[in-house]
Amino acid sequence: MAQIAARVERKLMTHVARKYPMPMHKIMQKRLEYPTESMLQRRKNEKRLFQVLSQLPHWGIGRIITTCQWADNSLFTYWRITRVHVDHNTEEYEYGIAWGIQTVDGRSKGYEEEIPDMNEHLWRLIPKYKEDYYLNYQPKTEEIKEIPLYIPTPPLLHQMMKAEKEKQGSEDANKDFLVRLLINRGRTNLARQRLDDGSLV
């Protein structure tokens, strides 16, 4: 078991070294940043992710964090910390890389990914007494809308297709031309289309 853990840790460290050849605190120092008024205001109230995690036991693994944009809009969007890699070259351990499972508007993605903008002044820790409020939130189920599978072609395209069919001498020149309607499907878009055999997709 220890050998498997060591192998996973080596793979993780080689991934980190490949993706971030310089320590995180040096990357942040090299960045030319011209702070705006909103950024300066944010720095007074918000912290970098590792400024929050360094104050917690076990680097906050298992705790829930959110950003100032999400917290102000009450969108129930947050990260649950699963893994942490700290840059030990800094005195107060304020830089590093963290992974977590993101929940967007009450719907968990269900897989671990690297947390973006870790070194920006955005982050807030959700207190333990508020965690149940976030975790027990049930997102509203929106009703499924049925969208037609085919729609009539726009007038200009219809005339162009009609002229082309007349040129070819086809008998289909006077029929109505239809276009297949493509929709984006996902968690937020619950639209469905009925196929020719009557089944909903």
Protein backbone atom coordinates (compact mmCIF):
# COMPACT_ATOMS: atom_id res chain seq x y z
CA MET A 1 0.00 0.00 0.00
CA ALA A 2 2.85 2.36 0.91
CA GLN A 3 4.55 1.62 -2.43
CA ILE A 4 1.38 2.55 -4.36
CA ALA A 5 1.05 5.79 -2.37
CA ALA A 6 4.72 6.62 -3.04
CA ARG A 7 4.27 5.92 -6.78
CA VAL A 8 1.21 8.19 -6.93
CA GLU A 9 3.09 10.90 -5.02
CA ARG A 10 6.05 10.68 -7.47
CA LYS A 11 3.71 10.98 -10.44
CA LEU A 12 2.02 13.98 -8.84
CA MET A 13 5.37 15.67 -8.15
CA THR A 14 6.61 15.12 -11.74
CA HIS A 15 3.31 16.56 -13.06
CA VAL A 16 3.69 19.62 -10.82
CA ALA A 17 7.35 20.08 -11.78
CA ARG A 18 6.48 19.83 -15.50
CA LYS A 19 3.54 22.24 -15.30
CA TYR A 20 5.21 24.73 -12.94
CA PRO A 21 8.99 24.71 -13.61
CA MET A 22 9.43 27.72 -11.29
CA PRO A 23 8.13 27.92 -7.70
CA MET A 24 4.72 29.59 -7.49
CA HIS A 25 5.92 32.60 -5.47
CA LYS A 26 8.50 33.43 -8.18
CA ILE A 27 5.89 33.12 -10.93
CA MET A 28 3.64 35.56 -9.05
CA GLN A 29 6.51 38.01 -8.46
CA LYS A 30 7.39 38.00 -12.18
CA ARG A 31 3.84 38.84 -13.26
CA LEU A 32 3.42 42.46 -14.27
CA GLU A 33 0.15 43.42 -12.68
CA TYR A 34 -1.43 46.86 -12.84
CA PRO A 35 -4.06 46.74 -10.09
CA THR A 36 -7.37 48.47 -10.71
CA GLU A 37 -9.46 50.11 -8.00
CA SER A 38 -11.64 47.01 -7.64
CA MET A 39 -8.55 44.77 -7.32
CA LEU A 40 -7.11 46.98 -4.57
CA GLN A 41 -10.44 46.93 -2.73
CA ARG A 42 -10.61 43.15 -3.09
CA ARG A 43 -7.13 42.72 -1.63
CA LYS A 44 -8.27 44.45 1.56
CA ASN A 45 -11.17 42.04 2.08
CA GLU A 46 -10.18 38.77 0.34
CA LYS A 47 -7.16 36.48 0.58
CA ARG A 48 -5.21 34.15 -1.67
CA LEU A 49 -6.26 30.52 -1.35
CA PHE A 50 -3.14 29.42 0.51
CA GLN A 51 -3.38 32.32 2.94
CA VAL A 52 -6.70 30.75 3.96
CA LEU A 53 -5.55 27.10 3.86
CA SER A 54 -2.32 27.67 5.80
CA GLN A 55 -4.38 28.67 8.86
CA LEU A 56 -6.38 25.41 8.82
CA PRO A 57 -5.45 21.95 10.14
CA HIS A 58 -4.41 19.48 7.41
CA TRP A 59 -4.31 22.41 4.94
CA GLY A 60 -8.11 22.55 4.85
CA ILE A 61 -8.61 19.18 3.14
CA GLY A 62 -12.32 18.43 3.29
CA ARG A 63 -13.32 22.05 3.94
CA ILE A 64 -15.44 24.20 1.60
CA ILE A 65 -14.17 27.44 0.05
CA THR A 66 -15.76 29.96 -2.26
CA THR A 67 -14.78 33.16 -4.05
CA CYS A 68 -16.04 36.67 -3.41
CA GLN A 69 -18.05 36.74 -6.68
CA TRP A 70 -19.90 33.52 -5.86
CA ALA A 71 -20.44 34.37 -2.19
CA ASP A 72 -21.93 37.78 -3.01
CA ASN A 73 -24.33 36.31 -5.58
CA SER A 74 -25.37 33.36 -3.33
CA LEU A 75 -25.08 30.92 -6.23
CA PHE A 76 -24.14 27.89 -4.09
CA THR A 77 -20.95 27.55 -6.11
CA TYR A 78 -17.98 26.34 -4.10
CA TRP A 79 -14.99 23.98 -4.01
CA ARG A 80 -14.37 21.12 -1.57
CA ILE A 81 -10.59 20.76 -1.08
CA THR A 82 -9.30 17.24 -1.79
CA ARG A 83 -5.49 17.61 -2.27
CA VAL A 84 -2.87 20.28 -1.64
CA HIS A 85 0.71 20.80 -2.84
CA VAL A 86 2.43 23.62 -0.91
CA ASP A 87 5.35 25.71 -2.15
CA HIS A 88 7.74 25.27 0.80
CA ASN A 89 10.16 27.93 -0.48
CA THR A 90 7.95 30.70 0.94
CA GLU A 91 8.15 31.72 4.58
CA GLU A 92 4.44 31.66 5.36
CA TYR A 93 3.42 28.96 2.83
CA GLU A 94 1.18 31.38 0.93
CA TYR A 95 1.62 29.75 -2.50
CA GLY A 96 0.95 26.33 -3.95
CA ILE A 97 -1.42 24.20 -5.99
CA ALA A 98 -4.71 22.76 -4.77
CA TRP A 99 -7.25 20.33 -6.18
CA GLY A 100 -10.91 20.00 -5.35
CA ILE A 101 -14.40 19.02 -6.45
CA GLN A 102 -16.44 21.95 -7.75
CA THR A 103 -20.14 22.41 -7.14
CA VAL A 104 -21.84 24.88 -9.48
CA ASP A 105 -25.23 26.25 -8.43
CA GLY A 106 -25.86 23.24 -6.20
CA ARG A 107 -24.82 20.61 -8.79
CA SER A 108 -21.55 18.78 -8.07
CA LYS A 109 -19.24 18.02 -11.00
CA GLY A 110 -18.27 14.80 -9.24
CA TYR A 111 -14.59 14.71 -10.22
CA GLU A 112 -11.40 16.28 -8.92
CA GLU A 113 -9.68 19.10 -10.84
CA GLU A 114 -7.08 21.76 -10.23
CA ILE A 115 -8.52 24.91 -8.69
CA PRO A 116 -7.93 27.98 -10.90
CA ASP A 117 -6.98 31.49 -9.66
CA MET A 118 -5.49 30.08 -6.44
CA ASN A 119 -3.07 32.99 -6.13
CA GLU A 120 -5.61 35.75 -6.71
CA HIS A 121 -7.19 37.69 -3.86
CA LEU A 122 -10.60 36.07 -4.23
CA TRP A 123 -11.05 33.39 -1.62
CA ARG A 124 -13.22 32.97 1.45
CA LEU A 125 -13.62 30.02 3.79
CA ILE A 126 -17.18 28.89 4.46
CA PRO A 127 -17.53 28.47 8.26
CA LYS A 128 -18.47 25.01 9.53
CA TYR A 129 -21.83 26.18 10.88
CA LYS A 130 -22.77 27.32 7.33
CA GLU A 131 -21.60 24.16 5.53
CA ASP A 132 -24.92 22.35 5.98
CA TYR A 133 -26.73 25.31 4.41
CA TYR A 134 -24.59 24.90 1.27
CA LEU A 135 -24.49 21.09 1.23
CA ASN A 136 -28.24 20.58 1.73
CA TYR A 137 -29.24 23.04 -1.00
CA GLN A 138 -31.46 21.35 -3.60
CA PRO A 139 -31.27 23.02 -7.03
CA LYS A 140 -34.57 23.70 -8.74
CA THR A 141 -35.52 21.17 -11.39
CA GLU A 142 -36.54 23.02 -14.51
CA GLU A 143 -39.24 21.61 -16.73
CA ILE A 144 -38.14 19.91 -19.95
CA LYS A 145 -39.13 21.87 -23.05
CA GLU A 146 -39.75 20.17 -26.36
CA ILE A 147 -38.16 21.90 -29.36
CA PRO A 148 -38.98 21.01 -32.98
CA LEU A 149 -36.43 18.88 -34.78
CA TYR A 150 -36.82 20.72 -38.11
CA ILE A 151 -37.71 24.35 -38.81
CA PRO A 152 -38.49 26.12 -42.12
CA THR A 153 -35.48 27.62 -43.87
CA PRO A 154 -35.01 31.40 -43.70
CA PRO A 155 -36.57 33.25 -46.71
CA LEU A 156 -33.31 34.11 -48.49
CA LEU A 157 -31.91 30.59 -48.13
CA HIS A 158 -35.28 29.18 -49.25
CA GLN A 159 -35.18 31.25 -52.47
CA MET A 160 -31.56 30.22 -53.15
CA MET A 161 -32.36 26.52 -52.69
CA LYS A 162 -35.49 26.85 -54.84
CA ALA A 163 -33.50 28.55 -57.65
CA GLU A 164 -30.85 25.82 -57.49
CA LYS A 165 -33.49 23.06 -57.75
CA GLU A 166 -35.16 24.86 -60.68
CA LYS A 167 -31.77 25.06 -62.43
CA GLN A 168 -31.32 21.33 -62.00
CA GLY A 169 -34.87 20.77 -63.30
CA SER A 170 -35.86 18.89 -60.14
CA GLU A 171 -39.50 18.30 -59.21
CA ASP A 172 -38.73 19.30 -55.59
CA ALA A 173 -38.44 23.01 -56.49
CA ASN A 174 -41.88 23.91 -55.10
CA LYS A 175 -41.70 21.95 -51.85
CA ASP A 176 -40.95 23.50 -48.45
CA PHE A 177 -37.32 23.14 -47.40
CA LEU A 178 -36.57 22.30 -43.76
CA VAL A 179 -33.38 22.75 -41.73
CA ARG A 180 -32.33 20.48 -38.83
CA LEU A 181 -32.29 22.50 -35.60
CA LEU A 182 -29.24 21.79 -33.42
CA ILE A 183 -29.40 22.58 -29.70
CA ASN A 184 -26.76 22.62 -26.99
CA ARG A 185 -27.57 20.13 -24.28
CA GLY A 186 -26.25 20.13 -20.74
CA ARG A 187 -27.11 20.48 -17.06
CA THR A 188 -28.66 23.91 -17.52
CA ASN A 189 -30.32 23.37 -20.92
CA LEU A 190 -33.03 20.73 -20.54
CA ALA A 191 -34.54 21.10 -24.02
CA ARG A 192 -35.36 17.88 -25.88
CA GLN A 193 -36.30 17.06 -29.48
CA ARG A 194 -38.65 14.39 -30.80
CA LEU A 195 -37.25 12.18 -33.57
CA ASP A 196 -39.25 10.97 -36.56
CA ASP A 197 -40.06 7.72 -34.75
CA GLY A 198 -41.58 9.71 -31.86
CA SER A 199 -38.82 9.16 -29.28
CA LEU A 200 -37.47 12.09 -27.26
CA VAL A 201 -33.70 12.71 -27.33
